C-alpha atoms as a PDB file:
ATOM      1  CA  UNK A   1      64.079  44.110  -5.389  1.00  0.00           C
ATOM      2  CA  UNK A   2      66.557  45.474  -3.248  1.00  0.00           C
ATOM      3  CA  UNK A   3      66.305  49.204  -4.471  1.00  0.00           C
ATOM      4  CA  UNK A   4      62.767  48.885  -4.399  1.00  0.00           C
ATOM      5  CA  UNK A   5      62.956  47.834  -0.784  1.00  0.00           C
ATOM      6  CA  UNK A   6      65.119  51.099   0.154  1.00  0.00           C
ATOM      7  CA  UNK A   7      62.151  53.128  -1.166  1.00  0.00           C
ATOM      8  CA  UNK A   8      63.503  54.229  -4.640  1.00  0.00           C
ATOM      9  CA  UNK A   9      60.744  54.763  -7.029  1.00  0.00           C
ATOM     10  CA  UNK A  10      60.885  52.596  -9.756  1.00  0.00           C
ATOM     11  CA  UNK A  11      61.073  55.369 -12.152  1.00  0.00           C
ATOM     12  CA  UNK A  12      64.403  56.570 -10.804  1.00  0.00           C
ATOM     13  CA  UNK A  13      65.735  52.696 -10.892  1.00  0.00           C
ATOM     14  CA  UNK A  14      64.414  52.858 -14.485  1.00  0.00           C
ATOM     15  CA  UNK A  15      66.317  56.217 -15.361  1.00  0.00           C
ATOM     16  CA  UNK A  16      69.345  55.118 -13.398  1.00  0.00           C
ATOM     17  CA  UNK A  17      69.648  51.566 -15.522  1.00  0.00           C
ATOM     18  CA  UNK A  18      69.197  53.641 -18.598  1.00  0.00           C
ATOM     19  CA  UNK A  19      71.933  55.653 -17.996  1.00  0.00           C
ATOM     20  CA  UNK A  20      74.476  52.828 -16.828  1.00  0.00           C
ATOM     21  CA  UNK A  21      73.449  51.032 -20.116  1.00  0.00           C
ATOM     22  CA  UNK A  22      74.332  53.889 -22.129  1.00  0.00           C
ATOM     23  CA  UNK A  23      77.759  54.116 -20.023  1.00  0.00           C
ATOM     24  CA  UNK A  24      78.516  50.706 -20.563  1.00  0.00           C
ATOM     25  CA  UNK A  25      77.843  50.227 -24.487  1.00  0.00           C
ATOM     26  CA  UNK A  26      80.020  53.498 -24.959  1.00  0.00           C
ATOM     27  CA  UNK A  27      82.665  51.569 -23.069  1.00  0.00           C
ATOM     28  CA  UNK A  28      82.040  48.837 -25.644  1.00  0.00           C
ATOM     29  CA  UNK A  29      82.809  50.583 -28.359  1.00  0.00           C
ATOM     30  CA  UNK A  30      86.272  51.140 -27.135  1.00  0.00           C
ATOM     31  CA  UNK A  31      87.250  47.805 -26.092  1.00  0.00           C
ATOM     32  CA  UNK A  32      85.915  45.999 -29.247  1.00  0.00           C
ATOM     33  CA  UNK A  33      87.482  44.585 -32.196  1.00  0.00           C
ATOM     34  CA  UNK A  34      86.813  44.363 -35.924  1.00  0.00           C
ATOM     35  CA  UNK A  35      87.367  41.306 -37.395  1.00  0.00           C
ATOM     36  CA  UNK A  36      87.125  40.723 -41.879  1.00  0.00           C
ATOM     37  CA  UNK A  37      84.181  39.359 -42.868  1.00  0.00           C
ATOM     38  CA  UNK A  38      83.777  39.179 -46.796  1.00  0.00           C
ATOM     39  CA  UNK A  39      82.261  37.489 -49.190  1.00  0.00           C
ATOM     40  CA  UNK A  40      85.975  35.866 -50.023  1.00  0.00           C
ATOM     41  CA  UNK A  41      87.100  35.438 -46.406  1.00  0.00           C
ATOM     42  CA  UNK A  42      84.674  33.800 -44.080  1.00  0.00           C
ATOM     43  CA  UNK A  43      86.732  31.873 -41.761  1.00  0.00           C
ATOM     44  CA  UNK A  44      86.104  34.028 -39.113  1.00  0.00           C
ATOM     45  CA  UNK A  45      82.527  32.868 -39.154  1.00  0.00           C
ATOM     46  CA  UNK A  46      83.249  29.280 -38.800  1.00  0.00           C
ATOM     47  CA  UNK A  47      85.353  29.495 -35.527  1.00  0.00           C
ATOM     48  CA  UNK A  48      82.958  31.806 -33.997  1.00  0.00           C
ATOM     49  CA  UNK A  49      80.302  29.067 -34.571  1.00  0.00           C
ATOM     50  CA  UNK A  50      82.388  26.510 -33.213  1.00  0.00           C
ATOM     51  CA  UNK A  51      82.691  28.351 -30.193  1.00  0.00           C
ATOM     52  CA  UNK A  52      78.548  29.021 -29.758  1.00  0.00           C
ATOM     53  CA  UNK A  53      78.383  25.346 -30.525  1.00  0.00           C
ATOM     54  CA  UNK A  54      80.933  24.474 -27.729  1.00  0.00           C
ATOM     55  CA  UNK A  55      78.779  25.364 -24.888  1.00  0.00           C
ATOM     56  CA  UNK A  56      75.586  23.122 -26.138  1.00  0.00           C
ATOM     57  CA  UNK A  57      75.243  19.382 -25.599  1.00  0.00           C
ATOM     58  CA  UNK A  58      76.090  18.927 -29.023  1.00  0.00           C
ATOM     59  CA  UNK A  59      79.781  20.315 -28.525  1.00  0.00           C
ATOM     60  CA  UNK A  60      81.045  16.745 -29.932  1.00  0.00           C
ATOM     61  CA  UNK A  61      80.059  17.533 -32.845  1.00  0.00           C
ATOM     62  CA  UNK A  62      80.691  21.100 -33.230  1.00  0.00           C
ATOM     63  CA  UNK A  63      82.928  21.155 -36.143  1.00  0.00           C
ATOM     64  CA  UNK A  64      79.996  19.449 -38.383  1.00  0.00           C
ATOM     65  CA  UNK A  65      77.371  21.492 -36.870  1.00  0.00           C
ATOM     66  CA  UNK A  66      79.330  24.819 -37.077  1.00  0.00           C
ATOM     67  CA  UNK A  67      80.185  24.369 -40.764  1.00  0.00           C
ATOM     68  CA  UNK A  68      76.517  23.339 -41.698  1.00  0.00           C
ATOM     69  CA  UNK A  69      75.153  26.718 -40.081  1.00  0.00           C
ATOM     70  CA  UNK A  70      77.311  28.721 -41.399  1.00  0.00           C
ATOM     71  CA  UNK A  71      76.901  27.125 -45.162  1.00  0.00           C
ATOM     72  CA  UNK A  72      73.461  27.573 -44.301  1.00  0.00           C
ATOM     73  CA  UNK A  73      73.955  31.292 -43.193  1.00  0.00           C
ATOM     74  CA  UNK A  74      75.871  31.850 -46.719  1.00  0.00           C
ATOM     75  CA  UNK A  75      74.010  30.606 -48.973  1.00  0.00           C
ATOM     76  CA  UNK A  76      71.199  33.120 -48.263  1.00  0.00           C
ATOM     77  CA  UNK A  77      72.768  35.934 -47.437  1.00  0.00           C
ATOM     78  CA  UNK A  78      72.772  39.256 -49.070  1.00  0.00           C
ATOM     79  CA  UNK A  79      76.095  40.626 -49.326  1.00  0.00           C
ATOM     80  CA  UNK A  80      74.789  44.183 -50.803  1.00  0.00           C
ATOM     81  CA  UNK A  81      72.681  44.431 -47.618  1.00  0.00           C
ATOM     82  CA  UNK A  82      74.799  42.473 -45.193  1.00  0.00           C
ATOM     83  CA  UNK A  83      71.997  40.410 -44.098  1.00  0.00           C
ATOM     84  CA  UNK A  84      70.761  37.174 -43.805  1.00  0.00           C
ATOM     85  CA  UNK A  85      66.951  36.596 -44.121  1.00  0.00           C
ATOM     86  CA  UNK A  86      66.036  33.484 -41.813  1.00  0.00           C
ATOM     87  CA  UNK A  87      62.952  32.740 -43.535  1.00  0.00           C
ATOM     88  CA  UNK A  88      64.742  31.398 -46.587  1.00  0.00           C
ATOM     89  CA  UNK A  89      66.332  28.899 -44.072  1.00  0.00           C
ATOM     90  CA  UNK A  90      64.393  25.653 -43.058  1.00  0.00           C
ATOM     91  CA  UNK A  91      65.572  23.877 -39.963  1.00  0.00           C
ATOM     92  CA  UNK A  92      64.043  20.234 -40.288  1.00  0.00           C
ATOM     93  CA  UNK A  93      64.818  17.328 -38.122  1.00  0.00           C
ATOM     94  CA  UNK A  94      64.103  13.986 -38.027  1.00  0.00           C
ATOM     95  CA  UNK A  95      64.692  11.031 -35.145  1.00  0.00           C
ATOM     96  CA  UNK A  96      66.898   8.319 -36.056  1.00  0.00           C
ATOM     97  CA  UNK A  97      70.507   8.050 -37.557  1.00  0.00           C
ATOM     98  CA  UNK A  98      73.355  10.045 -35.666  1.00  0.00           C
ATOM     99  CA  UNK A  99      74.112  13.861 -35.483  1.00  0.00           C
ATOM    100  CA  UNK A 100      76.726  13.316 -38.008  1.00  0.00           C
ATOM    101  CA  UNK A 101      74.125  12.959 -40.636  1.00  0.00           C
ATOM    102  CA  UNK A 102      73.061  15.991 -40.143  1.00  0.00           C
ATOM    103  CA  UNK A 103      73.380  18.065 -43.751  1.00  0.00           C
ATOM    104  CA  UNK A 104      72.539  21.058 -45.678  1.00  0.00           C
ATOM    105  CA  UNK A 105      70.293  20.417 -48.588  1.00  0.00           C
ATOM    106  CA  UNK A 106      70.319  23.119 -51.433  1.00  0.00           C
ATOM    107  CA  UNK A 107      66.136  23.181 -51.250  1.00  0.00           C
ATOM    108  CA  UNK A 108      63.587  22.284 -49.017  1.00  0.00           C
ATOM    109  CA  UNK A 109      62.615  19.108 -47.214  1.00  0.00           C
ATOM    110  CA  UNK A 110      59.026  18.724 -45.963  1.00  0.00           C
ATOM    111  CA  UNK A 111      57.698  16.076 -43.528  1.00  0.00           C
ATOM    112  CA  UNK A 112      54.956  14.617 -46.615  1.00  0.00           C
ATOM    113  CA  UNK A 113      55.139  12.157 -49.193  1.00  0.00           C
ATOM    114  CA  UNK A 114      53.632  11.358 -52.527  1.00  0.00           C
ATOM    115  CA  UNK A 115      49.465  10.701 -51.502  1.00  0.00           C
ATOM    116  CA  UNK A 116      49.836   7.107 -53.241  1.00  0.00           C
ATOM    117  CA  UNK A 117      52.276   4.413 -52.522  1.00  0.00           C
ATOM    118  CA  UNK A 118      52.603   3.599 -55.991  1.00  0.00           C
ATOM    119  CA  UNK A 119      53.444   6.600 -56.814  1.00  0.00           C
ATOM    120  CA  UNK A 120      56.803   7.375 -58.089  1.00  0.00           C
ATOM    121  CA  UNK A 121      59.524   8.144 -55.384  1.00  0.00           C
ATOM    122  CA  UNK A 122      62.173  10.017 -57.471  1.00  0.00           C
ATOM    123  CA  UNK A 123      60.965  12.787 -60.337  1.00  0.00           C
ATOM    124  CA  UNK A 124      63.673  14.378 -62.454  1.00  0.00           C
ATOM    125  CA  UNK A 125      63.037  17.823 -64.371  1.00  0.00           C
ATOM    126  CA  UNK A 126      60.288  18.451 -62.071  1.00  0.00           C
ATOM    127  CA  UNK A 127      57.542  21.203 -63.358  1.00  0.00           C
ATOM    128  CA  UNK A 128      55.440  22.024 -60.154  1.00  0.00           C
ATOM    129  CA  UNK A 129      51.958  22.758 -59.988  1.00  0.00           C
ATOM    130  CA  UNK A 130      51.164  24.620 -56.890  1.00  0.00           C
ATOM    131  CA  UNK A 131      47.849  24.592 -55.667  1.00  0.00           C
ATOM    132  CA  UNK A 132      46.367  26.701 -52.542  1.00  0.00           C
ATOM    133  CA  UNK A 133      42.907  25.581 -53.383  1.00  0.00           C
ATOM    134  CA  UNK A 134      41.014  22.193 -52.586  1.00  0.00           C
ATOM    135  CA  UNK A 135      41.474  19.535 -54.800  1.00  0.00           C
ATOM    136  CA  UNK A 136      37.796  18.323 -54.609  1.00  0.00           C
ATOM    137  CA  UNK A 137      34.378  19.627 -55.888  1.00  0.00           C
ATOM    138  CA  UNK A 138      33.110  23.135 -54.562  1.00  0.00           C
ATOM    139  CA  UNK A 139      30.682  23.127 -51.926  1.00  0.00           C
ATOM    140  CA  UNK A 140      27.772  24.900 -51.108  1.00  0.00           C
ATOM    141  CA  UNK A 141      28.245  27.522 -48.490  1.00  0.00           C
ATOM    142  CA  UNK A 142      24.699  26.554 -46.682  1.00  0.00           C
ATOM    143  CA  UNK A 143      23.904  23.424 -45.010  1.00  0.00           C
ATOM    144  CA  UNK A 144      22.140  20.774 -47.350  1.00  0.00           C
ATOM    145  CA  UNK A 145      21.046  17.730 -47.528  1.00  0.00           C
ATOM    146  CA  UNK A 146      21.220  15.450 -50.430  1.00  0.00           C
ATOM    147  CA  UNK A 147      18.866  12.795 -50.952  1.00  0.00           C
ATOM    148  CA  UNK A 148      19.621  10.012 -53.508  1.00  0.00           C
ATOM    149  CA  UNK A 149      16.901   7.591 -53.610  1.00  0.00           C
ATOM    150  CA  UNK A 150      17.995   5.210 -56.355  1.00  0.00           C
ATOM    151  CA  UNK A 151      21.288   3.885 -57.709  1.00  0.00           C
ATOM    152  CA  UNK A 152      21.031   5.891 -60.916  1.00  0.00           C
ATOM    153  CA  UNK A 153      20.948   8.657 -59.094  1.00  0.00           C
ATOM    154  CA  UNK A 154      23.897   7.528 -57.126  1.00  0.00           C
ATOM    155  CA  UNK A 155      25.745   6.887 -60.418  1.00  0.00           C
ATOM    156  CA  UNK A 156      25.178  10.115 -61.760  1.00  0.00           C
ATOM    157  CA  UNK A 157      26.235  11.930 -58.893  1.00  0.00           C
ATOM    158  CA  UNK A 158      29.659   9.447 -59.185  1.00  0.00           C
ATOM    159  CA  UNK A 159      30.224  10.341 -62.339  1.00  0.00           C
ATOM    160  CA  UNK A 160      29.702  13.892 -62.379  1.00  0.00           C
ATOM    161  CA  UNK A 161      32.430  13.943 -59.293  1.00  0.00           C
ATOM    162  CA  UNK A 162      34.668  11.650 -61.689  1.00  0.00           C
ATOM    163  CA  UNK A 163      34.084  13.958 -64.500  1.00  0.00           C
ATOM    164  CA  UNK A 164      35.130  16.945 -62.482  1.00  0.00           C
ATOM    165  CA  UNK A 165      38.306  15.667 -60.925  1.00  0.00           C
ATOM    166  CA  UNK A 166      39.264  14.409 -64.432  1.00  0.00           C
ATOM    167  CA  UNK A 167      38.599  17.673 -65.544  1.00  0.00           C
ATOM    168  CA  UNK A 168      41.014  19.495 -63.288  1.00  0.00           C
ATOM    169  CA  UNK A 169      43.893  16.734 -63.451  1.00  0.00           C
ATOM    170  CA  UNK A 170      43.721  17.486 -67.275  1.00  0.00           C
ATOM    171  CA  UNK A 171      43.697  20.958 -66.752  1.00  0.00           C
ATOM    172  CA  UNK A 172      46.899  21.086 -64.703  1.00  0.00           C
ATOM    173  CA  UNK A 173      48.603  18.493 -67.039  1.00  0.00           C
ATOM    174  CA  UNK A 174      47.913  20.714 -70.033  1.00  0.00           C
ATOM    175  CA  UNK A 175      49.676  23.506 -68.355  1.00  0.00           C
ATOM    176  CA  UNK A 176      52.895  21.224 -68.530  1.00  0.00           C
ATOM    177  CA  UNK A 177      52.991  20.178 -64.698  1.00  0.00           C
ATOM    178  CA  UNK A 178      54.572  16.564 -64.289  1.00  0.00           C
ATOM    179  CA  UNK A 179      53.936  16.833 -60.314  1.00  0.00           C
ATOM    180  CA  UNK A 180      51.201  18.980 -58.154  1.00  0.00           C
ATOM    181  CA  UNK A 181      51.560  19.991 -54.373  1.00  0.00           C
ATOM    182  CA  UNK A 182      48.703  20.585 -52.772  1.00  0.00           C
ATOM    183  CA  UNK A 183      47.978  22.470 -49.813  1.00  0.00           C
ATOM    184  CA  UNK A 184      44.362  21.476 -49.016  1.00  0.00           C
ATOM    185  CA  UNK A 185      43.467  17.415 -49.404  1.00  0.00           C
ATOM    186  CA  UNK A 186      41.956  15.591 -51.501  1.00  0.00           C
ATOM    187  CA  UNK A 187      39.924  12.245 -51.248  1.00  0.00           C
ATOM    188  CA  UNK A 188      40.991   8.731 -52.217  1.00  0.00           C
ATOM    189  CA  UNK A 189      38.854   8.672 -55.400  1.00  0.00           C
ATOM    190  CA  UNK A 190      40.639  11.568 -56.468  1.00  0.00           C
ATOM    191  CA  UNK A 191      43.948  10.267 -55.258  1.00  0.00           C
ATOM    192  CA  UNK A 192      43.199   7.434 -57.700  1.00  0.00           C
ATOM    193  CA  UNK A 193      42.495   9.258 -60.723  1.00  0.00           C
ATOM    194  CA  UNK A 194      45.711  11.050 -60.235  1.00  0.00           C
ATOM    195  CA  UNK A 195      47.683   7.502 -60.194  1.00  0.00           C
ATOM    196  CA  UNK A 196      45.925   6.663 -63.443  1.00  0.00           C
ATOM    197  CA  UNK A 197      46.457   9.847 -64.758  1.00  0.00           C
ATOM    198  CA  UNK A 198      50.225   9.609 -63.516  1.00  0.00           C
ATOM    199  CA  UNK A 199      50.283  12.648 -62.029  1.00  0.00           C
ATOM    200  CA  UNK A 200      52.228  12.534 -58.695  1.00  0.00           C
ATOM    201  CA  UNK A 201      50.816  14.623 -56.069  1.00  0.00           C
ATOM    202  CA  UNK A 202      51.309  15.543 -52.434  1.00  0.00           C
ATOM    203  CA  UNK A 203      48.547  17.098 -50.177  1.00  0.00           C
ATOM    204  CA  UNK A 204      48.409  18.908 -46.914  1.00  0.00           C
ATOM    205  CA  UNK A 205      51.505  20.955 -47.256  1.00  0.00           C
ATOM    206  CA  UNK A 206      51.791  23.770 -44.738  1.00  0.00           C
ATOM    207  CA  UNK A 207      51.628  27.472 -46.465  1.00  0.00           C
ATOM    208  CA  UNK A 208      55.108  28.443 -45.334  1.00  0.00           C
ATOM    209  CA  UNK A 209      56.298  25.528 -46.816  1.00  0.00           C
ATOM    210  CA  UNK A 210      54.336  26.545 -49.904  1.00  0.00           C
ATOM    211  CA  UNK A 211      55.662  29.796 -50.076  1.00  0.00           C
ATOM    212  CA  UNK A 212      59.041  28.360 -49.682  1.00  0.00           C
ATOM    213  CA  UNK A 213      58.601  26.105 -52.644  1.00  0.00           C
ATOM    214  CA  UNK A 214      57.334  28.717 -54.761  1.00  0.00           C
ATOM    215  CA  UNK A 215      60.140  30.614 -54.689  1.00  0.00           C
ATOM    216  CA  UNK A 216      62.682  28.079 -54.343  1.00  0.00           C
ATOM    217  CA  UNK A 217      61.605  26.531 -57.642  1.00  0.00           C
ATOM    218  CA  UNK A 218      60.516  29.933 -59.196  1.00  0.00           C
ATOM    219  CA  UNK A 219      57.136  29.129 -59.036  1.00  0.00           C
ATOM    220  CA  UNK A 220      53.838  31.199 -58.263  1.00  0.00           C
ATOM    221  CA  UNK A 221      51.044  30.585 -56.166  1.00  0.00           C
ATOM    222  CA  UNK A 222      48.996  30.763 -59.428  1.00  0.00           C
ATOM    223  CA  UNK A 223      47.812  28.627 -62.878  1.00  0.00           C
ATOM    224  CA  UNK A 224      50.185  30.967 -64.917  1.00  0.00           C
ATOM    225  CA  UNK A 225      53.720  30.059 -63.710  1.00  0.00           C
ATOM    226  CA  UNK A 226      54.815  26.318 -62.809  1.00  0.00           C
ATOM    227  CA  UNK A 227      57.816  25.730 -60.757  1.00  0.00           C
ATOM    228  CA  UNK A 228      60.602  23.996 -61.838  1.00  0.00           C
ATOM    229  CA  UNK A 229      63.442  21.951 -60.097  1.00  0.00           C
ATOM    230  CA  UNK A 230      65.894  19.282 -60.864  1.00  0.00           C
ATOM    231  CA  UNK A 231      65.214  16.664 -58.556  1.00  0.00           C
ATOM    232  CA  UNK A 232      62.137  15.729 -56.512  1.00  0.00           C
ATOM    233  CA  UNK A 233      63.237  12.574 -54.129  1.00  0.00           C
ATOM    234  CA  UNK A 234      61.903  10.493 -51.021  1.00  0.00           C
ATOM    235  CA  UNK A 235      63.995   9.901 -48.321  1.00  0.00           C
ATOM    236  CA  UNK A 236      63.023   6.681 -46.652  1.00  0.00           C
ATOM    237  CA  UNK A 237      63.828   5.806 -42.954  1.00  0.00           C
ATOM    238  CA  UNK A 238      63.252   2.213 -42.510  1.00  0.00           C
ATOM    239  CA  UNK A 239      59.714   2.106 -42.273  1.00  0.00           C
ATOM    240  CA  UNK A 240      56.950   2.063 -44.630  1.00  0.00           C
ATOM    241  CA  UNK A 241      55.623   5.288 -42.833  1.00  0.00           C
ATOM    242  CA  UNK A 242      58.144   7.001 -42.210  1.00  0.00           C
ATOM    243  CA  UNK A 243      59.194   9.221 -45.479  1.00  0.00           C
ATOM    244  CA  UNK A 244      60.321  12.730 -46.080  1.00  0.00           C
ATOM    245  CA  UNK A 245      60.434  14.503 -49.352  1.00  0.00           C
ATOM    246  CA  UNK A 246      62.865  16.568 -50.987  1.00  0.00           C
ATOM    247  CA  UNK A 247      63.025  19.221 -53.216  1.00  0.00           C
ATOM    248  CA  UNK A 248      66.591  19.878 -54.619  1.00  0.00           C
ATOM    249  CA  UNK A 249      68.510  21.584 -57.549  1.00  0.00           C
ATOM    250  CA  UNK A 250      66.117  24.607 -57.681  1.00  0.00           C
ATOM    251  CA  UNK A 251      67.041  27.430 -59.987  1.00  0.00           C
ATOM    252  CA  UNK A 252      66.557  29.747 -56.946  1.00  0.00           C
ATOM    253  CA  UNK A 253      69.240  28.435 -54.354  1.00  0.00           C
ATOM    254  CA  UNK A 254      67.878  31.294 -51.766  1.00  0.00           C
ATOM    255  CA  UNK A 255      66.287  28.446 -49.904  1.00  0.00           C
ATOM    256  CA  UNK A 256      68.061  26.037 -47.744  1.00  0.00           C
ATOM    257  CA  UNK A 257      67.281  23.393 -45.479  1.00  0.00           C
ATOM    258  CA  UNK A 258      69.299  21.969 -42.206  1.00  0.00           C
ATOM    259  CA  UNK A 259      68.006  18.423 -42.064  1.00  0.00           C
ATOM    260  CA  UNK A 260      69.266  17.178 -38.577  1.00  0.00           C
ATOM    261  CA  UNK A 261      68.974  13.558 -37.651  1.00  0.00           C
ATOM    262  CA  UNK A 262      69.069  12.755 -33.734  1.00  0.00           C
ATOM    263  CA  UNK A 263      69.127   9.186 -31.482  1.00  0.00           C
ATOM    264  CA  UNK A 264      66.233  10.663 -29.372  1.00  0.00           C
ATOM    265  CA  UNK A 265      63.504  13.518 -29.976  1.00  0.00           C
ATOM    266  CA  UNK A 266      65.357  15.683 -27.087  1.00  0.00           C
ATOM    267  CA  UNK A 267      68.969  15.653 -29.174  1.00  0.00           C
ATOM    268  CA  UNK A 268      67.416  16.780 -32.471  1.00  0.00           C
ATOM    269  CA  UNK A 269      65.472  19.534 -30.511  1.00  0.00           C
ATOM    270  CA  UNK A 270      68.594  20.767 -28.558  1.00  0.00           C
ATOM    271  CA  UNK A 271      70.541  20.534 -32.151  1.00  0.00           C
ATOM    272  CA  UNK A 272      67.971  22.810 -34.063  1.00  0.00           C
ATOM    273  CA  UNK A 273      68.401  25.330 -30.918  1.00  0.00           C
ATOM    274  CA  UNK A 274      72.113  24.923 -31.204  1.00  0.00           C
ATOM    275  CA  UNK A 275      72.140  25.452 -35.000  1.00  0.00           C
ATOM    276  CA  UNK A 276      69.588  28.383 -34.551  1.00  0.00           C
ATOM    277  CA  UNK A 277      71.957  29.755 -32.273  1.00  0.00           C
ATOM    278  CA  UNK A 278      74.866  29.226 -34.481  1.00  0.00           C
ATOM    279  CA  UNK A 279      72.967  31.309 -37.619  1.00  0.00           C
ATOM    280  CA  UNK A 280      72.636  33.706 -35.871  1.00  0.00           C
ATOM    281  CA  UNK A 281      75.950  34.392 -34.837  1.00  0.00           C
ATOM    282  CA  UNK A 282      77.148  34.294 -38.221  1.00  0.00           C
ATOM    283  CA  UNK A 283      74.061  36.969 -39.179  1.00  0.00           C
ATOM    284  CA  UNK A 284      74.919  39.153 -36.622  1.00  0.00           C
ATOM    285  CA  UNK A 285      78.966  39.153 -37.617  1.00  0.00           C
ATOM    286  CA  UNK A 286      77.948  39.636 -41.093  1.00  0.00           C
ATOM    287  CA  UNK A 287      75.877  42.415 -40.451  1.00  0.00           C
ATOM    288  CA  UNK A 288      78.564  44.346 -37.582  1.00  0.00           C
ATOM    289  CA  UNK A 289      81.998  42.687 -37.762  1.00  0.00           C
ATOM    290  CA  UNK A 290      82.591  43.879 -34.070  1.00  0.00           C
ATOM    291  CA  UNK A 291      83.539  41.344 -31.403  1.00  0.00           C
ATOM    292  CA  UNK A 292      84.349  41.688 -27.722  1.00  0.00           C
ATOM    293  CA  UNK A 293      86.573  38.906 -25.884  1.00  0.00           C
ATOM    294  CA  UNK A 294      84.630  36.132 -23.767  1.00  0.00           C
ATOM    295  CA  UNK A 295      85.377  34.616 -20.499  1.00  0.00           C
ATOM    296  CA  UNK A 296      83.315  37.751 -18.682  1.00  0.00           C
ATOM    297  CA  UNK A 297      86.133  39.987 -19.834  1.00  0.00           C
ATOM    298  CA  UNK A 298      83.989  42.378 -21.119  1.00  0.00           C
ATOM    299  CA  UNK A 299      81.555  42.083 -18.566  1.00  0.00           C
ATOM    300  CA  UNK A 300      84.154  43.083 -16.146  1.00  0.00           C
ATOM    301  CA  UNK A 301      85.392  45.904 -17.884  1.00  0.00           C
ATOM    302  CA  UNK A 302      81.901  47.740 -18.455  1.00  0.00           C
ATOM    303  CA  UNK A 303      81.308  47.040 -14.841  1.00  0.00           C
ATOM    304  CA  UNK A 304      84.691  48.898 -13.960  1.00  0.00           C
ATOM    305  CA  UNK A 305      83.598  51.699 -16.290  1.00  0.00           C
ATOM    306  CA  UNK A 306      79.833  52.140 -14.597  1.00  0.00           C
ATOM    307  CA  UNK A 307      81.357  52.049 -11.424  1.00  0.00           C
ATOM    308  CA  UNK A 308      84.102  54.663 -11.933  1.00  0.00           C
ATOM    309  CA  UNK A 309      81.465  56.944 -13.485  1.00  0.00           C
ATOM    310  CA  UNK A 310      79.151  56.613 -10.323  1.00  0.00           C
ATOM    311  CA  UNK A 311      81.719  59.645  -8.734  1.00  0.00           C
ATOM    312  CA  UNK A 312      79.532  61.903 -11.473  1.00  0.00           C
ATOM    313  CA  UNK A 313      76.097  61.293 -10.095  1.00  0.00           C
ATOM    314  CA  UNK A 314      74.523  61.657  -6.681  1.00  0.00           C
ATOM    315  CA  UNK A 315      71.541  60.969  -5.309  1.00  0.00           C
ATOM    316  CA  UNK A 316      69.297  57.788  -6.221  1.00  0.00           C
ATOM    317  CA  UNK A 317      70.358  57.181  -9.065  1.00  0.00           C
ATOM    318  CA  UNK A 318      74.196  56.022  -7.596  1.00  0.00           C
ATOM    319  CA  UNK A 319      72.262  53.293  -6.663  1.00  0.00           C
ATOM    320  CA  UNK A 320      70.642  51.961  -9.902  1.00  0.00           C
ATOM    321  CA  UNK A 321      74.084  52.427 -11.172  1.00  0.00           C
ATOM    322  CA  UNK A 322      76.086  50.284  -8.893  1.00  0.00           C
ATOM    323  CA  UNK A 323      73.293  47.593  -8.977  1.00  0.00           C
ATOM    324  CA  UNK A 324      73.300  47.552 -12.775  1.00  0.00           C
ATOM    325  CA  UNK A 325      77.399  47.270 -12.148  1.00  0.00           C
ATOM    326  CA  UNK A 326      77.009  44.475  -9.737  1.00  0.00           C
ATOM    327  CA  UNK A 327      74.806  42.458 -12.471  1.00  0.00           C
ATOM    328  CA  UNK A 328      77.205  42.677 -14.890  1.00  0.00           C
ATOM    329  CA  UNK A 329      79.623  41.077 -12.478  1.00  0.00           C
ATOM    330  CA  UNK A 330      77.362  37.982 -12.186  1.00  0.00           C
ATOM    331  CA  UNK A 331      78.414  36.570 -15.275  1.00  0.00           C
ATOM    332  CA  UNK A 332      81.884  36.355 -14.522  1.00  0.00           C
ATOM    333  CA  UNK A 333      81.515  35.592 -10.682  1.00  0.00           C
ATOM    334  CA  UNK A 334      79.397  32.748 -12.089  1.00  0.00           C
ATOM    335  CA  UNK A 335      82.248  31.637 -14.599  1.00  0.00           C
ATOM    336  CA  UNK A 336      84.858  31.578 -12.076  1.00  0.00           C
ATOM    337  CA  UNK A 337      82.315  29.464  -9.346  1.00  0.00           C
ATOM    338  CA  UNK A 338      81.756  26.803 -12.310  1.00  0.00           C
ATOM    339  CA  UNK A 339      85.676  26.604 -12.851  1.00  0.00           C
ATOM    340  CA  UNK A 340      85.969  25.843  -9.098  1.00  0.00           C
ATOM    341  CA  UNK A 341      87.998  29.263  -8.500  1.00  0.00           C
ATOM    342  CA  UNK A 342      87.111  31.958  -5.567  1.00  0.00           C
ATOM    343  CA  UNK A 343      85.579  35.036  -7.423  1.00  0.00           C
ATOM    344  CA  UNK A 344      86.822  37.344  -4.905  1.00  0.00           C
ATOM    345  CA  UNK A 345      90.466  36.202  -4.711  1.00  0.00           C
ATOM    346  CA  UNK A 346      90.451  35.684  -8.675  1.00  0.00           C
END
């Protein structure tokens, strides 16, 4: 705004900022250091993640959180491509417990439970049928009214519906599956039949979670290939309605879940953001192992480099270069003021 008030055209300002940014970026390459990050030597990742979490509200548990975040990144890291796929990392939180109860699950945690309370809470050597279709009779695509005038007609309709549900359940069981995950819902009648046929099921699972489950268990969203995992278990949090489901010991460990606990929603959400930032830092170091020193030192060095280069240009662009340098200096000035120091003297 100050540059605009002086009558400098926005295009000239943008061009000046881009040129100053190029100088600062080039200077960063001369003052950076390169650290060693390999599959066998990842110690720098943990210390850097701790530094990242030190400025967060949850800094009291920075070591625990940093190790959890880095372990999550390393679990899904592709060392050949030097990249971390964030789609394979799920960060889930639940109010209750303490922050130190946060764990890394080598599998998927979903905020769902088995559809019937009498279904088993733990299934070992699970064979999963992944269903993306509604577990119910097909409905006409047009609007219709069904008139039932006698009890015989109602009983016939009821028997047809039961026969359809039974056929679907038997088809799933013939495939070898002993548990079903459905992206859509099913009514109480189907739920009762599932219990009778001893086929545990979970309904209303989100599309993203279904893809993660399919990837981690080796299953496909098709009737030809089942997913497999070592254990499916239910997590209980003290009430009958507060349950989550854990799918672990999967053949493909390239999908993990950071399960965060906290005293209230604000703490859980802040922990999620902190974990995400720490994972980003680990990912960036794996991609490019160059670092610069903190405390505003690199910003001061870049600001000085831009100011020294201001003598090479004349005219209105020089104002933009100086404004860019002043903006870089705002960070160390703020750090000095927050530390109780005089930014001018120190």
